[in-house]
Amino acid sequence: LRYYASIVHAVGIRLEHDGSFDVAAPFGLGDMFAMVIRPNR
């Protein structure tokens, strides 16, 4: 996720065995909610 070309796309969600979700977002989720696409250089 740290190498995705755009920061907003660097989000991963994994379904755990207990039904919960594990969210990985090394740059946070702010750009997604703000609808901003910034480059990851």
PDB file of all heavy atoms in Angstrom:
ATOM      1  N   LEU A   1       0.817  -1.213   0.000  1.00  0.00           N
ATOM      2  CA  LEU A   1       0.000   0.000   0.000  1.00  0.00           C
ATOM      3  C   LEU A   1       0.850   1.262   0.000  1.00  0.00           C
ATOM      4  O   LEU A   1       0.440   2.292  -0.526  1.00  0.00           O
ATOM      5  CB  LEU A   1      -0.940   0.004   1.203  1.00  0.00           C
ATOM      6  CG  LEU A   1      -1.973  -1.122   1.245  1.00  0.00           C
ATOM      7  CD1 LEU A   1      -2.715  -1.108   2.580  1.00  0.00           C
ATOM      8  CD2 LEU A   1      -2.943  -1.027   0.090  1.00  0.00           C
ATOM      9  N   ARG A   2       2.030   1.213   0.560  1.00  0.00           N
ATOM     10  CA  ARG A   2       2.920   2.386   0.611  1.00  0.00           C
ATOM     11  C   ARG A   2       3.436   2.797  -0.761  1.00  0.00           C
ATOM     12  O   ARG A   2       4.000   3.862  -0.924  1.00  0.00           O
ATOM     13  CB  ARG A   2       4.092   2.121   1.541  1.00  0.00           C
ATOM     14  CG  ARG A   2       3.660   1.915   2.961  1.00  0.00           C
ATOM     15  CD  ARG A   2       4.831   2.050   3.923  1.00  0.00           C
ATOM     16  NE  ARG A   2       4.348   2.083   5.284  1.00  0.00           N
ATOM     17  CZ  ARG A   2       3.872   3.155   5.894  1.00  0.00           C
ATOM     18  NH1 ARG A   2       3.822   4.299   5.254  1.00  0.00           N
ATOM     19  NH2 ARG A   2       3.455   3.095   7.138  1.00  0.00           N
ATOM     20  N   TYR A   3       3.254   1.947  -1.765  1.00  0.00           N
ATOM     21  CA  TYR A   3       3.795   2.211  -3.096  1.00  0.00           C
ATOM     22  C   TYR A   3       2.732   2.483  -4.150  1.00  0.00           C
ATOM     23  O   TYR A   3       3.054   2.631  -5.325  1.00  0.00           O
ATOM     24  CB  TYR A   3       4.688   1.038  -3.530  1.00  0.00           C
ATOM     25  CG  TYR A   3       5.859   0.860  -2.605  1.00  0.00           C
ATOM     26  CD1 TYR A   3       5.819  -0.062  -1.575  1.00  0.00           C
ATOM     27  CD2 TYR A   3       6.991   1.660  -2.722  1.00  0.00           C
ATOM     28  CE1 TYR A   3       6.877  -0.212  -0.696  1.00  0.00           C
ATOM     29  CE2 TYR A   3       8.051   1.526  -1.855  1.00  0.00           C
ATOM     30  CZ  TYR A   3       7.998   0.597  -0.839  1.00  0.00           C
ATOM     31  OH  TYR A   3       9.045   0.473   0.018  1.00  0.00           O
ATOM     32  N   TYR A   4       1.467   2.536  -3.764  1.00  0.00           N
ATOM     33  CA  TYR A   4       0.410   2.836  -4.735  1.00  0.00           C
ATOM     34  C   TYR A   4       0.659   4.224  -5.329  1.00  0.00           C
ATOM     35  O   TYR A   4       1.097   5.137  -4.642  1.00  0.00           O
ATOM     36  CB  TYR A   4      -0.955   2.794  -4.069  1.00  0.00           C
ATOM     37  CG  TYR A   4      -1.507   1.398  -3.862  1.00  0.00           C
ATOM     38  CD1 TYR A   4      -0.692   0.301  -3.666  1.00  0.00           C
ATOM     39  CD2 TYR A   4      -2.869   1.190  -3.862  1.00  0.00           C
ATOM     40  CE1 TYR A   4      -1.215  -0.970  -3.473  1.00  0.00           C
ATOM     41  CE2 TYR A   4      -3.402  -0.083  -3.666  1.00  0.00           C
ATOM     42  CZ  TYR A   4      -2.569  -1.151  -3.480  1.00  0.00           C
ATOM     43  OH  TYR A   4      -3.095  -2.397  -3.295  1.00  0.00           O
ATOM     44  N   ALA A   5       0.337   4.400  -6.576  1.00  0.00           N
ATOM     45  CA  ALA A   5       0.620   5.652  -7.281  1.00  0.00           C
ATOM     46  C   ALA A   5      -0.156   6.843  -6.731  1.00  0.00           C
ATOM     47  O   ALA A   5       0.314   7.971  -6.783  1.00  0.00           O
ATOM     48  CB  ALA A   5       0.339   5.494  -8.775  1.00  0.00           C
ATOM     49  N   SER A   6      -1.336   6.590  -6.201  1.00  0.00           N
ATOM     50  CA  SER A   6      -2.161   7.656  -5.628  1.00  0.00           C
ATOM     51  C   SER A   6      -2.469   7.303  -4.175  1.00  0.00           C
ATOM     52  O   SER A   6      -2.891   6.180  -3.874  1.00  0.00           O
ATOM     53  CB  SER A   6      -3.464   7.810  -6.409  1.00  0.00           C
ATOM     54  OG  SER A   6      -3.200   8.080  -7.772  1.00  0.00           O
ATOM     55  N   ILE A   7      -2.306   8.254  -3.297  1.00  0.00           N
ATOM     56  CA  ILE A   7      -2.478   8.033  -1.863  1.00  0.00           C
ATOM     57  C   ILE A   7      -3.879   7.525  -1.531  1.00  0.00           C
ATOM     58  O   ILE A   7      -4.043   6.628  -0.702  1.00  0.00           O
ATOM     59  CB  ILE A   7      -2.124   9.319  -1.101  1.00  0.00           C
ATOM     60  CG1 ILE A   7      -0.606   9.499  -1.139  1.00  0.00           C
ATOM     61  CG2 ILE A   7      -2.653   9.306   0.326  1.00  0.00           C
ATOM     62  CD1 ILE A   7      -0.112  10.821  -0.614  1.00  0.00           C
ATOM     63  N   VAL A   8      -4.890   8.063  -2.180  1.00  0.00           N
ATOM     64  CA  VAL A   8      -6.274   7.687  -1.877  1.00  0.00           C
ATOM     65  C   VAL A   8      -6.542   6.199  -2.136  1.00  0.00           C
ATOM     66  O   VAL A   8      -7.406   5.611  -1.510  1.00  0.00           O
ATOM     67  CB  VAL A   8      -7.265   8.574  -2.659  1.00  0.00           C
ATOM     68  CG1 VAL A   8      -7.262   8.231  -4.141  1.00  0.00           C
ATOM     69  CG2 VAL A   8      -8.662   8.490  -2.080  1.00  0.00           C
ATOM     70  N   HIS A   9      -5.801   5.597  -3.036  1.00  0.00           N
ATOM     71  CA  HIS A   9      -6.011   4.188  -3.355  1.00  0.00           C
ATOM     72  C   HIS A   9      -5.293   3.251  -2.389  1.00  0.00           C
ATOM     73  O   HIS A   9      -5.482   2.036  -2.463  1.00  0.00           O
ATOM     74  CB  HIS A   9      -5.549   3.900  -4.786  1.00  0.00           C
ATOM     75  CG  HIS A   9      -6.328   4.642  -5.802  1.00  0.00           C
ATOM     76  ND1 HIS A   9      -5.737   5.325  -6.832  1.00  0.00           N
ATOM     77  CD2 HIS A   9      -7.665   4.837  -5.933  1.00  0.00           C
ATOM     78  CE1 HIS A   9      -6.675   5.902  -7.563  1.00  0.00           C
ATOM     79  NE2 HIS A   9      -7.848   5.618  -7.049  1.00  0.00           N
ATOM     80  N   ALA A  10      -4.484   3.775  -1.505  1.00  0.00           N
ATOM     81  CA  ALA A  10      -3.687   2.963  -0.593  1.00  0.00           C
ATOM     82  C   ALA A  10      -4.497   2.555   0.636  1.00  0.00           C
ATOM     83  O   ALA A  10      -4.199   2.918   1.770  1.00  0.00           O
ATOM     84  CB  ALA A  10      -2.430   3.726  -0.184  1.00  0.00           C
ATOM     85  N   VAL A  11      -5.556   1.808   0.391  1.00  0.00           N
ATOM     86  CA  VAL A  11      -6.430   1.325   1.460  1.00  0.00           C
ATOM     87  C   VAL A  11      -6.712  -0.145   1.196  1.00  0.00           C
ATOM     88  O   VAL A  11      -7.068  -0.525   0.084  1.00  0.00           O
ATOM     89  CB  VAL A  11      -7.765   2.109   1.492  1.00  0.00           C
ATOM     90  CG1 VAL A  11      -8.701   1.548   2.548  1.00  0.00           C
ATOM     91  CG2 VAL A  11      -7.507   3.596   1.730  1.00  0.00           C
ATOM     92  N   GLY A  12      -6.533  -0.945   2.230  1.00  0.00           N
ATOM     93  CA  GLY A  12      -6.839  -2.364   2.121  1.00  0.00           C
ATOM     94  C   GLY A  12      -7.760  -2.768   3.260  1.00  0.00           C
ATOM     95  O   GLY A  12      -7.617  -2.280   4.379  1.00  0.00           O
ATOM     96  N   ILE A  13      -8.705  -3.634   2.972  1.00  0.00           N
ATOM     97  CA  ILE A  13      -9.628  -4.121   3.995  1.00  0.00           C
ATOM     98  C   ILE A  13      -9.633  -5.647   3.930  1.00  0.00           C
ATOM     99  O   ILE A  13      -9.801  -6.226   2.860  1.00  0.00           O
ATOM    100  CB  ILE A  13     -11.051  -3.571   3.786  1.00  0.00           C
ATOM    101  CG1 ILE A  13     -11.027  -2.054   3.845  1.00  0.00           C
ATOM    102  CG2 ILE A  13     -12.008  -4.151   4.815  1.00  0.00           C
ATOM    103  CD1 ILE A  13     -12.342  -1.393   3.511  1.00  0.00           C
ATOM    104  N   ARG A  14      -9.422  -6.245   5.086  1.00  0.00           N
ATOM    105  CA  ARG A  14      -9.376  -7.700   5.171  1.00  0.00           C
ATOM    106  C   ARG A  14     -10.466  -8.175   6.126  1.00  0.00           C
ATOM    107  O   ARG A  14     -10.618  -7.632   7.216  1.00  0.00           O
ATOM    108  CB  ARG A  14      -7.999  -8.120   5.684  1.00  0.00           C
ATOM    109  CG  ARG A  14      -7.789  -9.567   5.884  1.00  0.00           C
ATOM    110  CD  ARG A  14      -6.375  -9.933   6.392  1.00  0.00           C
ATOM    111  NE  ARG A  14      -5.618  -8.869   7.009  1.00  0.00           N
ATOM    112  CZ  ARG A  14      -4.545  -8.255   6.460  1.00  0.00           C
ATOM    113  NH1 ARG A  14      -4.118  -8.597   5.270  1.00  0.00           N
ATOM    114  NH2 ARG A  14      -3.907  -7.310   7.101  1.00  0.00           N
ATOM    115  N   LEU A  15     -11.230  -9.170   5.710  1.00  0.00           N
ATOM    116  CA  LEU A  15     -12.243  -9.778   6.565  1.00  0.00           C
ATOM    117  C   LEU A  15     -11.546 -10.817   7.441  1.00  0.00           C
ATOM    118  O   LEU A  15     -10.924 -11.752   6.937  1.00  0.00           O
ATOM    119  CB  LEU A  15     -13.338 -10.431   5.717  1.00  0.00           C
ATOM    120  CG  LEU A  15     -14.447 -11.156   6.472  1.00  0.00           C
ATOM    121  CD1 LEU A  15     -15.214 -10.184   7.381  1.00  0.00           C
ATOM    122  CD2 LEU A  15     -15.395 -11.828   5.490  1.00  0.00           C
ATOM    123  N   GLU A  16     -11.658 -10.648   8.742  1.00  0.00           N
ATOM    124  CA  GLU A  16     -11.037 -11.569   9.689  1.00  0.00           C
ATOM    125  C   GLU A  16     -11.950 -12.767   9.935  1.00  0.00           C
ATOM    126  O   GLU A  16     -13.136 -12.744   9.615  1.00  0.00           O
ATOM    127  CB  GLU A  16     -10.746 -10.840  11.011  1.00  0.00           C
ATOM    128  CG  GLU A  16      -9.786  -9.662  10.880  1.00  0.00           C
ATOM    129  CD  GLU A  16      -8.359 -10.071  10.541  1.00  0.00           C
ATOM    130  OE1 GLU A  16      -8.036 -11.276  10.536  1.00  0.00           O
ATOM    131  OE2 GLU A  16      -7.544  -9.172  10.270  1.00  0.00           O
ATOM    132  N   HIS A  17     -11.414 -13.824  10.503  1.00  0.00           N
ATOM    133  CA  HIS A  17     -12.178 -15.054  10.762  1.00  0.00           C
ATOM    134  C   HIS A  17     -13.375 -14.823  11.676  1.00  0.00           C
ATOM    135  O   HIS A  17     -14.380 -15.514  11.576  1.00  0.00           O
ATOM    136  CB  HIS A  17     -11.268 -16.133  11.351  1.00  0.00           C
ATOM    137  CG  HIS A  17     -10.223 -16.603  10.397  1.00  0.00           C
ATOM    138  ND1 HIS A  17     -10.523 -17.321   9.268  1.00  0.00           N
ATOM    139  CD2 HIS A  17      -8.888 -16.430  10.397  1.00  0.00           C
ATOM    140  CE1 HIS A  17      -9.415 -17.577   8.610  1.00  0.00           C
ATOM    141  NE2 HIS A  17      -8.399 -17.047   9.270  1.00  0.00           N
ATOM    142  N   ASP A  18     -13.272 -13.827  12.559  1.00  0.00           N
ATOM    143  CA  ASP A  18     -14.380 -13.566  13.489  1.00  0.00           C
ATOM    144  C   ASP A  18     -15.447 -12.645  12.903  1.00  0.00           C
ATOM    145  O   ASP A  18     -16.381 -12.240  13.578  1.00  0.00           O
ATOM    146  CB  ASP A  18     -13.855 -12.993  14.804  1.00  0.00           C
ATOM    147  CG  ASP A  18     -13.209 -11.620  14.641  1.00  0.00           C
ATOM    148  OD1 ASP A  18     -13.177 -11.076  13.513  1.00  0.00           O
ATOM    149  OD2 ASP A  18     -12.737 -11.071  15.650  1.00  0.00           O
ATOM    150  N   GLY A  19     -15.306 -12.288  11.625  1.00  0.00           N
ATOM    151  CA  GLY A  19     -16.283 -11.427  10.970  1.00  0.00           C
ATOM    152  C   GLY A  19     -15.957  -9.947  11.038  1.00  0.00           C
ATOM    153  O   GLY A  19     -16.626  -9.131  10.407  1.00  0.00           O
ATOM    154  N   SER A  20     -14.932  -9.578  11.783  1.00  0.00           N
ATOM    155  CA  SER A  20     -14.531  -8.167  11.866  1.00  0.00           C
ATOM    156  C   SER A  20     -13.667  -7.808  10.656  1.00  0.00           C
ATOM    157  O   SER A  20     -13.231  -8.678   9.903  1.00  0.00           O
ATOM    158  CB  SER A  20     -13.765  -7.901  13.165  1.00  0.00           C
ATOM    159  OG  SER A  20     -12.539  -8.604  13.158  1.00  0.00           O
ATOM    160  N   PHE A  21     -13.439  -6.520  10.494  1.00  0.00           N
ATOM    161  CA  PHE A  21     -12.623  -6.032   9.396  1.00  0.00           C
ATOM    162  C   PHE A  21     -11.325  -5.451   9.931  1.00  0.00           C
ATOM    163  O   PHE A  21     -11.317  -4.760  10.946  1.00  0.00           O
ATOM    164  CB  PHE A  21     -13.357  -4.936   8.604  1.00  0.00           C
ATOM    165  CG  PHE A  21     -14.564  -5.443   7.881  1.00  0.00           C
ATOM    166  CD1 PHE A  21     -15.829  -5.253   8.395  1.00  0.00           C
ATOM    167  CD2 PHE A  21     -14.429  -6.107   6.672  1.00  0.00           C
ATOM    168  CE1 PHE A  21     -16.950  -5.711   7.731  1.00  0.00           C
ATOM    169  CE2 PHE A  21     -15.548  -6.570   5.995  1.00  0.00           C
ATOM    170  CZ  PHE A  21     -16.814  -6.379   6.529  1.00  0.00           C
ATOM    171  N   ASP A  22     -10.246  -5.708   9.219  1.00  0.00           N
ATOM    172  CA  ASP A  22      -8.959  -5.088   9.501  1.00  0.00           C
ATOM    173  C   ASP A  22      -8.704  -4.092   8.370  1.00  0.00           C
ATOM    174  O   ASP A  22      -8.714  -4.474   7.194  1.00  0.00           O
ATOM    175  CB  ASP A  22      -7.852  -6.141   9.536  1.00  0.00           C
ATOM    176  CG  ASP A  22      -6.479  -5.525   9.702  1.00  0.00           C
ATOM    177  OD1 ASP A  22      -6.317  -4.660  10.586  1.00  0.00           O
ATOM    178  OD2 ASP A  22      -5.569  -5.894   8.929  1.00  0.00           O
ATOM    179  N   VAL A  23      -8.548  -2.825   8.717  1.00  0.00           N
ATOM    180  CA  VAL A  23      -8.315  -1.784   7.716  1.00  0.00           C
ATOM    181  C   VAL A  23      -6.850  -1.361   7.774  1.00  0.00           C
ATOM    182  O   VAL A  23      -6.340  -1.024   8.841  1.00  0.00           O
ATOM    183  CB  VAL A  23      -9.221  -0.558   7.964  1.00  0.00           C
ATOM    184  CG1 VAL A  23      -8.923   0.544   6.961  1.00  0.00           C
ATOM    185  CG2 VAL A  23     -10.685  -0.959   7.888  1.00  0.00           C
ATOM    186  N   ALA A  24      -6.207  -1.384   6.616  1.00  0.00           N
ATOM    187  CA  ALA A  24      -4.833  -0.908   6.496  1.00  0.00           C
ATOM    188  C   ALA A  24      -4.859   0.321   5.598  1.00  0.00           C
ATOM    189  O   ALA A  24      -5.299   0.246   4.450  1.00  0.00           O
ATOM    190  CB  ALA A  24      -3.935  -1.987   5.903  1.00  0.00           C
ATOM    191  N   ALA A  25      -4.424   1.456   6.123  1.00  0.00           N
ATOM    192  CA  ALA A  25      -4.411   2.706   5.363  1.00  0.00           C
ATOM    193  C   ALA A  25      -3.205   3.524   5.830  1.00  0.00           C
ATOM    194  O   ALA A  25      -3.335   4.379   6.700  1.00  0.00           O
ATOM    195  CB  ALA A  25      -5.708   3.471   5.570  1.00  0.00           C
ATOM    196  N   PRO A  26      -2.031   3.264   5.257  1.00  0.00           N
ATOM    197  CA  PRO A  26      -0.812   3.907   5.759  1.00  0.00           C
ATOM    198  C   PRO A  26      -0.808   5.432   5.670  1.00  0.00           C
ATOM    199  O   PRO A  26      -0.077   6.084   6.408  1.00  0.00           O
ATOM    200  CB  PRO A  26       0.297   3.297   4.904  1.00  0.00           C
ATOM    201  CG  PRO A  26      -0.388   2.787   3.688  1.00  0.00           C
ATOM    202  CD  PRO A  26      -1.765   2.402   4.130  1.00  0.00           C
ATOM    203  N   PHE A  27      -1.621   5.996   4.799  1.00  0.00           N
ATOM    204  CA  PHE A  27      -1.695   7.456   4.669  1.00  0.00           C
ATOM    205  C   PHE A  27      -2.985   8.011   5.270  1.00  0.00           C
ATOM    206  O   PHE A  27      -3.287   9.186   5.122  1.00  0.00           O
ATOM    207  CB  PHE A  27      -1.587   7.866   3.202  1.00  0.00           C
ATOM    208  CG  PHE A  27      -0.350   7.344   2.526  1.00  0.00           C
ATOM    209  CD1 PHE A  27      -0.432   6.300   1.621  1.00  0.00           C
ATOM    210  CD2 PHE A  27       0.898   7.873   2.808  1.00  0.00           C
ATOM    211  CE1 PHE A  27       0.700   5.801   1.003  1.00  0.00           C
ATOM    212  CE2 PHE A  27       2.040   7.383   2.199  1.00  0.00           C
ATOM    213  CZ  PHE A  27       1.945   6.338   1.287  1.00  0.00           C
ATOM    214  N   GLY A  28      -3.767   7.153   5.911  1.00  0.00           N
ATOM    215  CA  GLY A  28      -5.031   7.568   6.488  1.00  0.00           C
ATOM    216  C   GLY A  28      -6.160   7.502   5.470  1.00  0.00           C
ATOM    217  O   GLY A  28      -5.981   7.081   4.328  1.00  0.00           O
ATOM    218  N   LEU A  29      -7.329   7.938   5.910  1.00  0.00           N
ATOM    219  CA  LEU A  29      -8.530   7.892   5.072  1.00  0.00           C
ATOM    220  C   LEU A  29      -9.039   9.280   4.682  1.00  0.00           C
ATOM    221  O   LEU A  29     -10.046   9.405   4.002  1.00  0.00           O
ATOM    222  CB  LEU A  29      -9.646   7.135   5.805  1.00  0.00           C
ATOM    223  CG  LEU A  29      -9.320   5.683   6.170  1.00  0.00           C
ATOM    224  CD1 LEU A  29     -10.427   5.101   7.044  1.00  0.00           C
ATOM    225  CD2 LEU A  29      -9.105   4.847   4.925  1.00  0.00           C
ATOM    226  N   GLY A  30      -8.335  10.318   5.106  1.00  0.00           N
ATOM    227  CA  GLY A  30      -8.783  11.684   4.866  1.00  0.00           C
ATOM    228  C   GLY A  30      -9.015  12.024   3.410  1.00  0.00           C
ATOM    229  O   GLY A  30     -10.029  12.642   3.061  1.00  0.00           O
ATOM    230  N   ASP A  31      -8.099  11.621   2.526  1.00  0.00           N
ATOM    231  CA  ASP A  31      -8.259  11.929   1.101  1.00  0.00           C
ATOM    232  C   ASP A  31      -9.489  11.247   0.523  1.00  0.00           C
ATOM    233  O   ASP A  31     -10.187  11.817  -0.321  1.00  0.00           O
ATOM    234  CB  ASP A  31      -7.023  11.513   0.312  1.00  0.00           C
ATOM    235  CG  ASP A  31      -5.870  12.482   0.459  1.00  0.00           C
ATOM    236  OD1 ASP A  31      -6.030  13.513   1.143  1.00  0.00           O
ATOM    237  OD2 ASP A  31      -4.783  12.205  -0.102  1.00  0.00           O
ATOM    238  N   MET A  32      -9.785  10.038   0.972  1.00  0.00           N
ATOM    239  CA  MET A  32     -10.959   9.337   0.464  1.00  0.00           C
ATOM    240  C   MET A  32     -12.228  10.103   0.822  1.00  0.00           C
ATOM    241  O   MET A  32     -13.083  10.339  -0.025  1.00  0.00           O
ATOM    242  CB  MET A  32     -11.036   7.915   1.038  1.00  0.00           C
ATOM    243  CG  MET A  32     -12.185   7.133   0.453  1.00  0.00           C
ATOM    244  SD  MET A  32     -12.465   5.487   1.150  1.00  0.00           S
ATOM    245  CE  MET A  32     -10.879   4.916   1.601  1.00  0.00           C
ATOM    246  N   PHE A  33     -12.351  10.505   2.079  1.00  0.00           N
ATOM    247  CA  PHE A  33     -13.547  11.219   2.505  1.00  0.00           C
ATOM    248  C   PHE A  33     -13.625  12.629   1.928  1.00  0.00           C
ATOM    249  O   PHE A  33     -14.717  13.159   1.721  1.00  0.00           O
ATOM    250  CB  PHE A  33     -13.625  11.245   4.026  1.00  0.00           C
ATOM    251  CG  PHE A  33     -13.858   9.878   4.611  1.00  0.00           C
ATOM    252  CD1 PHE A  33     -12.922   9.303   5.451  1.00  0.00           C
ATOM    253  CD2 PHE A  33     -15.002   9.155   4.300  1.00  0.00           C
ATOM    254  CE1 PHE A  33     -13.121   8.036   5.980  1.00  0.00           C
ATOM    255  CE2 PHE A  33     -15.216   7.885   4.824  1.00  0.00           C
ATOM    256  CZ  PHE A  33     -14.264   7.328   5.661  1.00  0.00           C
ATOM    257  N   ALA A  34     -12.478  13.230   1.627  1.00  0.00           N
ATOM    258  CA  ALA A  34     -12.451  14.565   1.034  1.00  0.00           C
ATOM    259  C   ALA A  34     -12.541  14.522  -0.495  1.00  0.00           C
ATOM    260  O   ALA A  34     -12.621  15.571  -1.142  1.00  0.00           O
ATOM    261  CB  ALA A  34     -11.176  15.298   1.448  1.00  0.00           C
ATOM    262  N   MET A  35     -12.509  13.319  -1.062  1.00  0.00           N
ATOM    263  CA  MET A  35     -12.546  13.123  -2.520  1.00  0.00           C
ATOM    264  C   MET A  35     -11.394  13.847  -3.210  1.00  0.00           C
ATOM    265  O   MET A  35     -11.562  14.587  -4.180  1.00  0.00           O
ATOM    266  CB  MET A  35     -13.898  13.518  -3.104  1.00  0.00           C
ATOM    267  CG  MET A  35     -15.031  12.661  -2.560  1.00  0.00           C
ATOM    268  SD  MET A  35     -16.611  12.925  -3.363  1.00  0.00           S
ATOM    269  CE  MET A  35     -16.354  12.087  -4.914  1.00  0.00           C
ATOM    270  N   VAL A  36     -10.192  13.605  -2.682  1.00  0.00           N
ATOM    271  CA  VAL A  36      -8.970  14.198  -3.222  1.00  0.00           C
ATOM    272  C   VAL A  36      -8.053  13.076  -3.677  1.00  0.00           C
ATOM    273  O   VAL A  36      -7.850  12.095  -2.953  1.00  0.00           O
ATOM    274  CB  VAL A  36      -8.254  15.054  -2.154  1.00  0.00           C
ATOM    275  CG1 VAL A  36      -6.906  15.537  -2.652  1.00  0.00           C
ATOM    276  CG2 VAL A  36      -9.128  16.224  -1.740  1.00  0.00           C
ATOM    277  N   ILE A  37      -7.504  13.222  -4.861  1.00  0.00           N
ATOM    278  CA  ILE A  37      -6.534  12.257  -5.373  1.00  0.00           C
ATOM    279  C   ILE A  37      -5.188  12.956  -5.470  1.00  0.00           C
ATOM    280  O   ILE A  37      -4.995  13.845  -6.299  1.00  0.00           O
ATOM    281  CB  ILE A  37      -6.964  11.686  -6.740  1.00  0.00           C
ATOM    282  CG1 ILE A  37      -8.321  11.003  -6.614  1.00  0.00           C
ATOM    283  CG2 ILE A  37      -5.911  10.715  -7.270  1.00  0.00           C
ATOM    284  CD1 ILE A  37      -8.874  10.482  -7.916  1.00  0.00           C
ATOM    285  N   ARG A  38      -4.289  12.558  -4.570  1.00  0.00           N
ATOM    286  CA  ARG A  38      -2.933  13.122  -4.543  1.00  0.00           C
ATOM    287  C   ARG A  38      -1.929  12.050  -4.949  1.00  0.00           C
ATOM    288  O   ARG A  38      -2.119  10.880  -4.644  1.00  0.00           O
ATOM    289  CB  ARG A  38      -2.576  13.603  -3.133  1.00  0.00           C
ATOM    290  CG  ARG A  38      -3.318  14.826  -2.708  1.00  0.00           C
ATOM    291  CD  ARG A  38      -2.843  15.345  -1.347  1.00  0.00           C
ATOM    292  NE  ARG A  38      -3.101  14.372  -0.296  1.00  0.00           N
ATOM    293  CZ  ARG A  38      -2.217  14.031   0.635  1.00  0.00           C
ATOM    294  NH1 ARG A  38      -1.025  14.547   0.640  1.00  0.00           N
ATOM    295  NH2 ARG A  38      -2.543  13.147   1.557  1.00  0.00           N
ATOM    296  N   PRO A  39      -0.849  12.468  -5.593  1.00  0.00           N
ATOM    297  CA  PRO A  39       0.158  11.478  -5.971  1.00  0.00           C
ATOM    298  C   PRO A  39       0.963  11.003  -4.774  1.00  0.00           C
ATOM    299  O   PRO A  39       1.180  11.746  -3.821  1.00  0.00           O
ATOM    300  CB  PRO A  39       1.049  12.248  -6.951  1.00  0.00           C
ATOM    301  CG  PRO A  39       0.882  13.674  -6.602  1.00  0.00           C
ATOM    302  CD  PRO A  39      -0.515  13.810  -6.060  1.00  0.00           C
ATOM    303  N   ASN A  40       1.381   9.760  -4.852  1.00  0.00           N
ATOM    304  CA  ASN A  40       2.335   9.205  -3.905  1.00  0.00           C
ATOM    305  C   ASN A  40       3.658   9.137  -4.658  1.00  0.00           C
ATOM    306  O   ASN A  40       3.841   8.283  -5.518  1.00  0.00           O
ATOM    307  CB  ASN A  40       1.892   7.816  -3.450  1.00  0.00           C
ATOM    308  CG  ASN A  40       2.899   7.171  -2.521  1.00  0.00           C
ATOM    309  OD1 ASN A  40       3.850   7.799  -2.091  1.00  0.00           O
ATOM    310  ND2 ASN A  40       2.678   5.910  -2.217  1.00  0.00           N
ATOM    311  N   ARG A  41       4.561  10.007  -4.347  1.00  0.00           N
ATOM    312  CA  ARG A  41       5.800  10.131  -5.111  1.00  0.00           C
ATOM    313  C   ARG A  41       6.906   9.197  -4.602  1.00  0.00           C
ATOM    314  O   ARG A  41       8.069   9.408  -4.902  1.00  0.00           O
ATOM    315  CB  ARG A  41       6.249  11.581  -5.100  1.00  0.00           C
ATOM    316  CG  ARG A  41       5.264  12.496  -5.822  1.00  0.00           C
ATOM    317  CD  ARG A  41       5.716  13.953  -5.807  1.00  0.00           C
ATOM    318  NE  ARG A  41       4.759  14.791  -6.493  1.00  0.00           N
ATOM    319  CZ  ARG A  41       3.740  15.405  -5.902  1.00  0.00           C
ATOM    320  NH1 ARG A  41       3.525  15.256  -4.619  1.00  0.00           N
ATOM    321  NH2 ARG A  41       2.933  16.175  -6.601  1.00  0.00           N
TER     322      ARG A  41
END
